[in-house]
């Protein structure tokens, strides 16, 4: 994400572009995010990239204990000085490799209450979303601030220009809700793009059509590898033309025209060969 030149925050910390740091400074947006999350005291709540604590403090006020994942060493030192370990567990490291599922999330109510939130670094948002999708079975929900263009891709429908691999793979595992937008001036430094908050709620096993996720990913990646080409070309290494036709998928269609159910049918057809 291209941003204006970073300026020091009131704490003296200068946002680092290599970490994609755009700190949330708009109290109204913070309030709206916390209200959308509605944290409960016994939630296992994890914040990615707490930064200077704009979300951290109001979240901590609502839960018995908060987990945060932070990669910036200077901010790690600051967070450890500012918050007692009895209230906050700080996981120092890269969210792209962190095992979120290991935090569990079972409560005394017997349901899954692992909840993940964050103002995500825009430069790693797509790979991070794919990483987080891998722990969907452990989750209650996720709420993220993202670049608006990424949210558009997440919620896009077949036939729309933004519809692609992200739409299909997240749509298989989650219900996606675009909640509200945030203008550039809500951040320091102010990005040159609009931002938006999205909620991801995992689908239950019963709500997901039976499908091998690795096979689905392989087919979706191949189909969208060359968006303007017809499926008979992009999927030629995987499917014969008559196989597509038998699944009511026109070989002349493009990946952007195929709904989630069509990709699931392709994955299941491919799996029958094994």
Foldseek 3Di string as FASTA:
>chain_A
DAFDQFDADPVRDTDDVVQLDWAFADLVVLVVLCVVVVDAADFAEEEEACDPPSNPVVNLVHYQAYEYEHADPVVVVVVPVPDDVRHYHYHHDDLLPDDQCVVQQADPVGDRRYEYEYAHRAVCVVSSVVSVLVNLVRHQKYKYKYFVLVLCLCCDFQPDPSDALNVQLLVQFWDKDFDAKDAQVSTGRRGPTIITMMMTGTDDPVRHDDFDSVLLSVLRCQLPVPQVAFQCPSCVVQDHQVVCVVLVHHRRHGSSNDGNVSSRVSRVVSVVVD
